[in-house]
């Protein structure tokens, strides 16, 4: 795919119980019809080291690790890591509907005066 246009921040504790839903969320991000960069922010001490290693092996995921299990700090770290013009946040137990990121990108590109798009 092309150079990423959107960064998707996924904060997660990456625990064994979150593994299945987190991997489904990542699969949905990859199937958006637009290039997305994923910033996975693993926070807290409940992480599954095998899951974190799997995330780190992916070329399209930047993994940040925080010791503190704090969602606000995790999201802040994710935002600070954004290198694309646009970004969004996805919970680790949610999935995007097909084409959601592409539709958001198209809207923002068509409305350059818009600062935020809430969906």
N, C-alpha and C. Protein backbone atom coordinates (compact mmCIF):
# COMPACT_ATOMS: atom_id res chain seq x y z
N UNK A 1 0.84 -1.17 0.00
CA UNK A 1 0.00 0.00 0.00
C UNK A 1 0.89 1.24 0.00
N UNK A 2 0.34 2.39 -0.20
CA UNK A 2 1.07 3.65 -0.27
C UNK A 2 1.56 4.10 1.09
N UNK A 3 2.20 5.26 1.08
CA UNK A 3 2.63 5.89 2.33
C UNK A 3 1.40 6.11 3.20
N UNK A 4 1.50 5.79 4.49
CA UNK A 4 0.33 5.96 5.36
C UNK A 4 -0.19 7.39 5.37
N UNK A 5 -1.49 7.53 5.29
CA UNK A 5 -2.16 8.83 5.33
C UNK A 5 -2.75 9.09 6.71
N UNK A 6 -3.02 8.04 7.43
CA UNK A 6 -3.68 8.13 8.73
C UNK A 6 -2.93 7.26 9.72
N UNK A 7 -2.76 7.78 10.92
CA UNK A 7 -2.25 6.97 12.02
C UNK A 7 -3.43 6.55 12.87
N UNK A 8 -3.49 5.29 13.21
CA UNK A 8 -4.53 4.78 14.10
C UNK A 8 -3.84 4.40 15.41
N UNK A 9 -4.23 5.07 16.48
CA UNK A 9 -3.66 4.82 17.80
C UNK A 9 -4.54 3.79 18.51
N UNK A 10 -3.90 2.72 18.97
CA UNK A 10 -4.61 1.67 19.70
C UNK A 10 -3.91 1.50 21.05
N UNK A 11 -4.52 1.99 22.10
CA UNK A 11 -3.99 1.79 23.45
C UNK A 11 -4.51 0.45 23.95
N UNK A 12 -3.61 -0.34 24.54
CA UNK A 12 -4.01 -1.67 24.98
C UNK A 12 -3.17 -2.12 26.16
N UNK A 13 -3.77 -2.95 27.01
CA UNK A 13 -2.97 -3.58 28.06
C UNK A 13 -2.31 -4.84 27.51
N UNK A 14 -2.73 -5.27 26.32
CA UNK A 14 -2.14 -6.42 25.63
C UNK A 14 -2.08 -7.67 26.51
N UNK A 15 -3.11 -7.85 27.29
CA UNK A 15 -3.18 -9.04 28.15
C UNK A 15 -3.62 -10.23 27.31
N UNK A 16 -3.42 -11.45 27.82
CA UNK A 16 -3.89 -12.62 27.07
C UNK A 16 -5.38 -12.55 26.75
N UNK A 17 -6.16 -11.98 27.65
CA UNK A 17 -7.62 -11.87 27.43
C UNK A 17 -7.94 -10.89 26.30
N UNK A 18 -7.07 -9.95 26.03
CA UNK A 18 -7.29 -8.94 24.98
C UNK A 18 -6.75 -9.38 23.62
N UNK A 19 -6.01 -10.46 23.59
CA UNK A 19 -5.31 -10.88 22.38
C UNK A 19 -6.23 -10.99 21.16
N UNK A 20 -7.30 -11.74 21.28
CA UNK A 20 -8.20 -11.97 20.16
C UNK A 20 -8.83 -10.68 19.65
N UNK A 21 -9.36 -9.87 20.56
CA UNK A 21 -10.02 -8.63 20.13
C UNK A 21 -9.00 -7.64 19.56
N UNK A 22 -7.81 -7.58 20.15
CA UNK A 22 -6.78 -6.68 19.64
C UNK A 22 -6.37 -7.07 18.22
N UNK A 23 -6.17 -8.35 17.98
CA UNK A 23 -5.79 -8.80 16.64
C UNK A 23 -6.91 -8.56 15.63
N UNK A 24 -8.16 -8.68 16.06
CA UNK A 24 -9.29 -8.36 15.17
C UNK A 24 -9.32 -6.87 14.85
N UNK A 25 -9.05 -6.03 15.84
CA UNK A 25 -9.00 -4.58 15.63
C UNK A 25 -7.91 -4.24 14.61
N UNK A 26 -6.75 -4.85 14.76
CA UNK A 26 -5.64 -4.60 13.84
C UNK A 26 -5.98 -5.06 12.43
N UNK A 27 -6.60 -6.22 12.31
CA UNK A 27 -7.00 -6.72 10.99
C UNK A 27 -7.98 -5.75 10.32
N UNK A 28 -8.90 -5.19 11.10
CA UNK A 28 -9.86 -4.23 10.54
C UNK A 28 -9.17 -2.95 10.09
N UNK A 29 -8.15 -2.53 10.82
CA UNK A 29 -7.39 -1.33 10.41
C UNK A 29 -6.69 -1.59 9.08
N UNK A 30 -6.13 -2.75 8.94
CA UNK A 30 -5.39 -3.10 7.72
C UNK A 30 -6.30 -3.23 6.51
N UNK A 31 -7.59 -3.37 6.72
CA UNK A 31 -8.54 -3.60 5.64
C UNK A 31 -9.40 -2.36 5.38
N UNK A 32 -8.80 -1.19 5.45
CA UNK A 32 -9.55 0.05 5.34
C UNK A 32 -9.59 0.67 3.94
N UNK A 33 -8.81 0.16 3.02
CA UNK A 33 -8.81 0.74 1.68
C UNK A 33 -7.99 2.01 1.59
N UNK A 34 -7.23 2.31 2.63
CA UNK A 34 -6.31 3.45 2.66
C UNK A 34 -5.15 3.03 3.57
N UNK A 35 -3.98 3.53 3.25
CA UNK A 35 -2.80 3.16 4.03
C UNK A 35 -2.88 3.76 5.43
N UNK A 36 -2.80 2.91 6.43
CA UNK A 36 -2.83 3.35 7.83
C UNK A 36 -1.55 2.90 8.53
N UNK A 37 -1.04 3.76 9.37
CA UNK A 37 0.06 3.39 10.26
C UNK A 37 -0.57 3.15 11.61
N UNK A 38 -0.20 2.07 12.25
CA UNK A 38 -0.77 1.72 13.55
C UNK A 38 0.25 2.03 14.63
N UNK A 39 -0.17 2.77 15.64
CA UNK A 39 0.65 2.99 16.82
C UNK A 39 -0.03 2.24 17.96
N UNK A 40 0.57 1.13 18.35
CA UNK A 40 0.05 0.34 19.46
C UNK A 40 0.75 0.76 20.74
N UNK A 41 -0.01 1.26 21.67
CA UNK A 41 0.57 1.70 22.94
C UNK A 41 0.21 0.68 24.01
N UNK A 42 1.19 -0.12 24.37
CA UNK A 42 1.01 -1.15 25.38
C UNK A 42 1.29 -0.52 26.73
N UNK A 43 0.30 -0.55 27.61
CA UNK A 43 0.47 0.11 28.89
C UNK A 43 0.04 -0.78 30.04
N UNK A 44 0.78 -0.69 31.12
CA UNK A 44 0.48 -1.48 32.30
C UNK A 44 1.32 -2.73 32.37
N UNK A 45 1.13 -3.50 33.43
CA UNK A 45 1.98 -4.66 33.69
C UNK A 45 1.28 -6.00 33.44
N UNK A 46 0.13 -5.98 32.76
CA UNK A 46 -0.60 -7.22 32.49
C UNK A 46 -0.32 -7.77 31.10
N UNK A 47 0.67 -7.21 30.44
CA UNK A 47 0.94 -7.55 29.04
C UNK A 47 1.37 -8.99 28.85
N UNK A 48 0.97 -9.52 27.72
CA UNK A 48 1.40 -10.84 27.26
C UNK A 48 2.63 -10.60 26.39
N UNK A 49 3.80 -11.01 26.87
CA UNK A 49 5.03 -10.73 26.16
C UNK A 49 5.07 -11.34 24.77
N UNK A 50 4.43 -12.48 24.57
CA UNK A 50 4.36 -13.09 23.24
C UNK A 50 3.52 -12.24 22.30
N UNK A 51 2.43 -11.69 22.79
CA UNK A 51 1.59 -10.81 21.98
C UNK A 51 2.35 -9.54 21.62
N UNK A 52 3.04 -8.96 22.57
CA UNK A 52 3.82 -7.74 22.31
C UNK A 52 4.90 -8.03 21.27
N UNK A 53 5.56 -9.18 21.38
CA UNK A 53 6.58 -9.56 20.40
C UNK A 53 5.97 -9.71 19.01
N UNK A 54 4.78 -10.28 18.93
CA UNK A 54 4.09 -10.42 17.65
C UNK A 54 3.80 -9.04 17.04
N UNK A 55 3.33 -8.11 17.85
CA UNK A 55 3.06 -6.76 17.37
C UNK A 55 4.33 -6.10 16.86
N UNK A 56 5.42 -6.28 17.57
CA UNK A 56 6.69 -5.67 17.18
C UNK A 56 7.23 -6.22 15.88
N UNK A 57 6.83 -7.42 15.51
CA UNK A 57 7.29 -8.04 14.26
C UNK A 57 6.60 -7.45 13.04
N UNK A 58 5.52 -6.74 13.24
CA UNK A 58 4.73 -6.21 12.12
C UNK A 58 5.34 -4.91 11.60
N UNK A 59 5.52 -4.84 10.29
CA UNK A 59 6.09 -3.65 9.68
C UNK A 59 5.20 -2.42 9.77
N UNK A 60 3.90 -2.62 9.92
CA UNK A 60 2.98 -1.49 9.92
C UNK A 60 2.54 -1.08 11.33
N UNK A 61 3.20 -1.59 12.35
CA UNK A 61 2.84 -1.24 13.73
C UNK A 61 4.06 -0.69 14.45
N UNK A 62 3.92 0.51 15.00
CA UNK A 62 4.92 1.05 15.91
C UNK A 62 4.44 0.74 17.30
N UNK A 63 5.23 0.03 18.08
CA UNK A 63 4.84 -0.36 19.42
C UNK A 63 5.55 0.53 20.43
N UNK A 64 4.76 1.18 21.27
CA UNK A 64 5.28 1.95 22.38
C UNK A 64 4.90 1.20 23.65
N UNK A 65 5.79 1.15 24.60
CA UNK A 65 5.51 0.46 25.85
C UNK A 65 5.62 1.42 27.02
N UNK A 66 4.58 1.46 27.84
CA UNK A 66 4.56 2.28 29.04
C UNK A 66 4.32 1.37 30.24
N UNK A 67 5.05 1.60 31.29
CA UNK A 67 4.87 0.80 32.50
C UNK A 67 3.57 1.13 33.21
N UNK A 68 3.18 2.40 33.16
CA UNK A 68 1.98 2.86 33.85
C UNK A 68 0.74 2.44 33.08
N UNK A 69 -0.20 1.79 33.73
CA UNK A 69 -1.44 1.38 33.11
C UNK A 69 -2.45 2.52 33.12
N UNK A 70 -2.17 3.56 32.36
CA UNK A 70 -2.99 4.78 32.38
C UNK A 70 -3.40 5.11 30.95
N UNK A 71 -4.70 5.07 30.69
CA UNK A 71 -5.20 5.29 29.33
C UNK A 71 -4.86 6.69 28.82
N UNK A 72 -5.01 7.70 29.64
CA UNK A 72 -4.72 9.07 29.20
C UNK A 72 -3.25 9.19 28.80
N UNK A 73 -2.36 8.65 29.60
CA UNK A 73 -0.93 8.70 29.26
C UNK A 73 -0.64 7.89 28.00
N UNK A 74 -1.33 6.78 27.83
CA UNK A 74 -1.14 5.96 26.64
C UNK A 74 -1.59 6.71 25.38
N UNK A 75 -2.75 7.35 25.46
CA UNK A 75 -3.23 8.10 24.30
C UNK A 75 -2.34 9.29 24.01
N UNK A 76 -1.85 9.96 25.05
CA UNK A 76 -0.93 11.09 24.86
C UNK A 76 0.34 10.63 24.16
N UNK A 77 0.90 9.51 24.60
CA UNK A 77 2.09 8.97 23.96
C UNK A 77 1.81 8.62 22.50
N UNK A 78 0.63 8.07 22.23
CA UNK A 78 0.25 7.76 20.87
C UNK A 78 0.16 8.99 19.99
N UNK A 79 -0.47 10.03 20.49
CA UNK A 79 -0.59 11.28 19.73
C UNK A 79 0.79 11.88 19.46
N UNK A 80 1.65 11.82 20.45
CA UNK A 80 3.01 12.35 20.27
C UNK A 80 3.80 11.58 19.22
N UNK A 81 3.42 10.35 18.94
CA UNK A 81 4.12 9.53 17.95
C UNK A 81 3.57 9.68 16.53
N UNK A 82 2.49 10.43 16.37
CA UNK A 82 1.86 10.59 15.05
C UNK A 82 2.80 11.32 14.10
N UNK A 83 2.95 10.77 12.90
CA UNK A 83 3.78 11.39 11.87
C UNK A 83 3.00 11.61 10.57
N UNK A 84 1.71 11.41 10.63
CA UNK A 84 0.86 11.62 9.46
C UNK A 84 0.02 12.87 9.67
N UNK A 85 -0.59 13.34 8.60
CA UNK A 85 -1.42 14.53 8.71
C UNK A 85 -2.67 14.28 9.57
N UNK A 86 -3.18 13.07 9.51
CA UNK A 86 -4.40 12.73 10.22
C UNK A 86 -4.16 11.57 11.18
N UNK A 87 -4.96 11.54 12.24
CA UNK A 87 -4.90 10.41 13.16
C UNK A 87 -6.28 10.17 13.74
N UNK A 88 -6.46 8.97 14.27
CA UNK A 88 -7.68 8.61 14.97
C UNK A 88 -7.33 7.59 16.04
N UNK A 89 -8.30 7.27 16.85
CA UNK A 89 -8.11 6.33 17.96
C UNK A 89 -9.12 5.20 17.82
N UNK A 90 -8.65 3.99 18.09
CA UNK A 90 -9.53 2.82 18.09
C UNK A 90 -9.29 2.04 19.36
N UNK A 91 -10.33 1.71 20.09
CA UNK A 91 -10.19 0.87 21.27
C UNK A 91 -9.74 -0.52 20.85
N UNK A 92 -9.01 -1.19 21.73
CA UNK A 92 -8.47 -2.50 21.39
C UNK A 92 -9.52 -3.60 21.34
N UNK A 93 -10.74 -3.29 21.72
CA UNK A 93 -11.81 -4.29 21.63
C UNK A 93 -12.90 -3.86 20.66
N UNK A 94 -12.57 -2.91 19.77
CA UNK A 94 -13.50 -2.45 18.74
C UNK A 94 -12.90 -2.73 17.36
N UNK A 95 -13.73 -2.61 16.34
CA UNK A 95 -13.25 -2.71 14.96
C UNK A 95 -13.88 -1.60 14.13
N UNK A 96 -13.14 -1.15 13.12
CA UNK A 96 -13.70 -0.20 12.17
C UNK A 96 -14.62 -0.95 11.21
N UNK A 97 -15.68 -0.29 10.78
CA UNK A 97 -16.47 -0.85 9.70
C UNK A 97 -15.64 -0.72 8.42
N UNK A 98 -15.91 -1.55 7.42
CA UNK A 98 -15.12 -1.48 6.19
C UNK A 98 -15.14 -0.08 5.57
N UNK A 99 -13.95 0.43 5.27
CA UNK A 99 -13.84 1.73 4.61
C UNK A 99 -13.99 2.94 5.51
N UNK A 100 -14.11 2.76 6.81
CA UNK A 100 -14.34 3.89 7.72
C UNK A 100 -13.20 4.91 7.65
N UNK A 101 -11.96 4.46 7.66
CA UNK A 101 -10.83 5.39 7.59
C UNK A 101 -10.77 6.08 6.24
N UNK A 102 -11.05 5.34 5.17
CA UNK A 102 -11.05 5.94 3.84
C UNK A 102 -12.10 7.05 3.74
N UNK A 103 -13.28 6.79 4.28
CA UNK A 103 -14.36 7.80 4.25
C UNK A 103 -13.98 9.02 5.07
N UNK A 104 -13.36 8.81 6.22
CA UNK A 104 -12.93 9.94 7.06
C UNK A 104 -11.87 10.77 6.34
N UNK A 105 -10.91 10.08 5.72
CA UNK A 105 -9.86 10.77 4.99
C UNK A 105 -10.45 11.57 3.84
N UNK A 106 -11.36 10.98 3.09
CA UNK A 106 -11.99 11.69 1.97
C UNK A 106 -12.71 12.94 2.47
N UNK A 107 -13.40 12.83 3.60
CA UNK A 107 -14.11 13.99 4.14
C UNK A 107 -13.12 15.09 4.51
N UNK A 108 -12.08 14.73 5.24
CA UNK A 108 -11.11 15.74 5.70
C UNK A 108 -10.40 16.39 4.52
N UNK A 109 -10.08 15.62 3.50
CA UNK A 109 -9.43 16.19 2.31
C UNK A 109 -10.38 17.13 1.56
N UNK A 110 -11.66 16.82 1.56
CA UNK A 110 -12.66 17.66 0.87
C UNK A 110 -13.04 18.89 1.67
N UNK A 111 -12.72 18.91 2.97
CA UNK A 111 -13.07 20.03 3.85
C UNK A 111 -11.84 20.49 4.62
N UNK A 112 -10.91 21.14 3.94
CA UNK A 112 -9.64 21.50 4.57
C UNK A 112 -9.77 22.46 5.75
N UNK A 113 -10.87 23.15 5.88
CA UNK A 113 -11.07 24.04 7.03
C UNK A 113 -11.44 23.29 8.30
N UNK A 114 -11.83 22.02 8.15
CA UNK A 114 -12.22 21.22 9.32
C UNK A 114 -10.98 20.84 10.12
N UNK A 115 -11.09 20.99 11.43
CA UNK A 115 -10.00 20.60 12.31
C UNK A 115 -10.23 19.22 12.92
N UNK A 116 -11.49 18.84 13.10
CA UNK A 116 -11.84 17.61 13.78
C UNK A 116 -13.05 16.99 13.08
N UNK A 117 -13.03 15.66 13.00
CA UNK A 117 -14.18 14.93 12.50
C UNK A 117 -14.57 13.92 13.56
N UNK A 118 -15.79 14.03 14.05
CA UNK A 118 -16.28 13.12 15.08
C UNK A 118 -17.26 12.17 14.41
N UNK A 119 -17.02 10.86 14.60
CA UNK A 119 -17.91 9.88 14.00
C UNK A 119 -18.41 8.92 15.06
